[in-house]
């Protein structure tokens, strides 16, 4: 089974993923689907759209679960 973590920019996208998209994807075989807000999206003063890659990469590195490897063969 596959888990999917979707990084989003604002609360509207977070709600869409968690309440609508997750249900659809889980019914198609995903184990879990969840949204994660990137950066300071909840702070009204920081709502300015897409951020620089270095800031996103830093947030992603902290929030991403460790990669799982599998052996086929």
C-alpha atoms as a PDB file:
ATOM      1  CA  UNK A   1       0.000   0.000   0.000  1.00  0.00           C
ATOM      2  CA  UNK A   2       1.122   3.532  -0.710  1.00  0.00           C
ATOM      3  CA  UNK A   3       0.890   6.588   1.537  1.00  0.00           C
ATOM      4  CA  UNK A   4       0.649  10.011  -0.084  1.00  0.00           C
ATOM      5  CA  UNK A   5       1.583  13.325   1.545  1.00  0.00           C
ATOM      6  CA  UNK A   6       0.580  16.385  -0.478  1.00  0.00           C
ATOM      7  CA  UNK A   7       2.195  19.718   0.328  1.00  0.00           C
ATOM      8  CA  UNK A   8      -0.222  22.617  -0.093  1.00  0.00           C
ATOM      9  CA  UNK A   9       0.002  26.415   0.104  1.00  0.00           C
ATOM     10  CA  UNK A  10      -3.189  27.354   1.945  1.00  0.00           C
ATOM     11  CA  UNK A  11      -6.064  26.093   4.082  1.00  0.00           C
ATOM     12  CA  UNK A  12      -8.461  25.807   1.118  1.00  0.00           C
ATOM     13  CA  UNK A  13      -6.141  23.344  -0.610  1.00  0.00           C
ATOM     14  CA  UNK A  14      -5.602  21.509   2.674  1.00  0.00           C
ATOM     15  CA  UNK A  15      -9.366  21.096   3.118  1.00  0.00           C
ATOM     16  CA  UNK A  16      -9.801  19.940  -0.497  1.00  0.00           C
ATOM     17  CA  UNK A  17      -7.133  17.250  -0.105  1.00  0.00           C
ATOM     18  CA  UNK A  18      -8.225  16.025   3.321  1.00  0.00           C
ATOM     19  CA  UNK A  19     -11.996  16.043   2.730  1.00  0.00           C
ATOM     20  CA  UNK A  20     -12.424  15.222  -0.955  1.00  0.00           C
ATOM     21  CA  UNK A  21      -9.302  14.040  -2.759  1.00  0.00           C
ATOM     22  CA  UNK A  22      -8.231  11.682   0.046  1.00  0.00           C
ATOM     23  CA  UNK A  23     -11.543   9.800  -0.063  1.00  0.00           C
ATOM     24  CA  UNK A  24     -11.203   9.315  -3.819  1.00  0.00           C
ATOM     25  CA  UNK A  25      -7.559   8.205  -3.722  1.00  0.00           C
ATOM     26  CA  UNK A  26      -8.069   5.843  -0.788  1.00  0.00           C
ATOM     27  CA  UNK A  27     -10.910   4.186  -2.711  1.00  0.00           C
ATOM     28  CA  UNK A  28      -8.376   3.614  -5.509  1.00  0.00           C
ATOM     29  CA  UNK A  29      -5.804   1.823  -3.366  1.00  0.00           C
ATOM     30  CA  UNK A  30      -3.830   4.389  -1.364  1.00  0.00           C
ATOM     31  CA  UNK A  31      -3.334   3.459   2.283  1.00  0.00           C
ATOM     32  CA  UNK A  32      -3.535   7.077   3.441  1.00  0.00           C
ATOM     33  CA  UNK A  33      -3.623  10.539   1.920  1.00  0.00           C
ATOM     34  CA  UNK A  34      -3.047  13.758   3.831  1.00  0.00           C
ATOM     35  CA  UNK A  35      -2.216  17.408   3.226  1.00  0.00           C
ATOM     36  CA  UNK A  36       0.550  19.356   4.897  1.00  0.00           C
ATOM     37  CA  UNK A  37       0.698  23.151   4.866  1.00  0.00           C
ATOM     38  CA  UNK A  38       4.072  24.456   3.778  1.00  0.00           C
ATOM     39  CA  UNK A  39       5.779  27.210   5.738  1.00  0.00           C
ATOM     40  CA  UNK A  40       3.781  29.864   7.572  1.00  0.00           C
ATOM     41  CA  UNK A  41       0.584  29.552   5.554  1.00  0.00           C
ATOM     42  CA  UNK A  42      -1.631  29.909   8.632  1.00  0.00           C
ATOM     43  CA  UNK A  43      -0.195  33.356   9.407  1.00  0.00           C
ATOM     44  CA  UNK A  44      -2.161  35.996   7.504  1.00  0.00           C
ATOM     45  CA  UNK A  45       0.959  38.143   7.055  1.00  0.00           C
ATOM     46  CA  UNK A  46       2.730  35.295   5.209  1.00  0.00           C
ATOM     47  CA  UNK A  47       0.077  34.554   2.590  1.00  0.00           C
ATOM     48  CA  UNK A  48       1.869  35.498  -0.583  1.00  0.00           C
ATOM     49  CA  UNK A  49       1.708  32.484  -2.886  1.00  0.00           C
ATOM     50  CA  UNK A  50       4.559  30.286  -4.006  1.00  0.00           C
ATOM     51  CA  UNK A  51       7.771  30.583  -2.028  1.00  0.00           C
ATOM     52  CA  UNK A  52      11.376  30.217  -3.074  1.00  0.00           C
ATOM     53  CA  UNK A  53      12.537  26.623  -3.635  1.00  0.00           C
ATOM     54  CA  UNK A  54      15.093  26.741  -0.787  1.00  0.00           C
ATOM     55  CA  UNK A  55      12.367  27.556   1.755  1.00  0.00           C
ATOM     56  CA  UNK A  56      10.046  24.841   0.398  1.00  0.00           C
ATOM     57  CA  UNK A  57      12.874  22.287   0.308  1.00  0.00           C
ATOM     58  CA  UNK A  58      13.751  23.073   3.924  1.00  0.00           C
ATOM     59  CA  UNK A  59      10.119  22.592   5.044  1.00  0.00           C
ATOM     60  CA  UNK A  60       9.795  19.414   2.983  1.00  0.00           C
ATOM     61  CA  UNK A  61      12.976  17.901   4.425  1.00  0.00           C
ATOM     62  CA  UNK A  62      11.662  18.440   7.960  1.00  0.00           C
ATOM     63  CA  UNK A  63       8.117  17.158   7.311  1.00  0.00           C
ATOM     64  CA  UNK A  64       8.711  14.264   4.915  1.00  0.00           C
ATOM     65  CA  UNK A  65       8.559  10.791   6.434  1.00  0.00           C
ATOM     66  CA  UNK A  66      11.634   8.622   5.949  1.00  0.00           C
ATOM     67  CA  UNK A  67      11.674   6.823   2.625  1.00  0.00           C
ATOM     68  CA  UNK A  68      10.795   3.160   2.703  1.00  0.00           C
ATOM     69  CA  UNK A  69      12.652   0.816   0.430  1.00  0.00           C
ATOM     70  CA  UNK A  70      11.403  -2.500  -0.806  1.00  0.00           C
ATOM     71  CA  UNK A  71      13.165  -5.452  -2.290  1.00  0.00           C
ATOM     72  CA  UNK A  72      11.617  -7.073  -5.330  1.00  0.00           C
ATOM     73  CA  UNK A  73      12.823 -10.306  -6.605  1.00  0.00           C
END
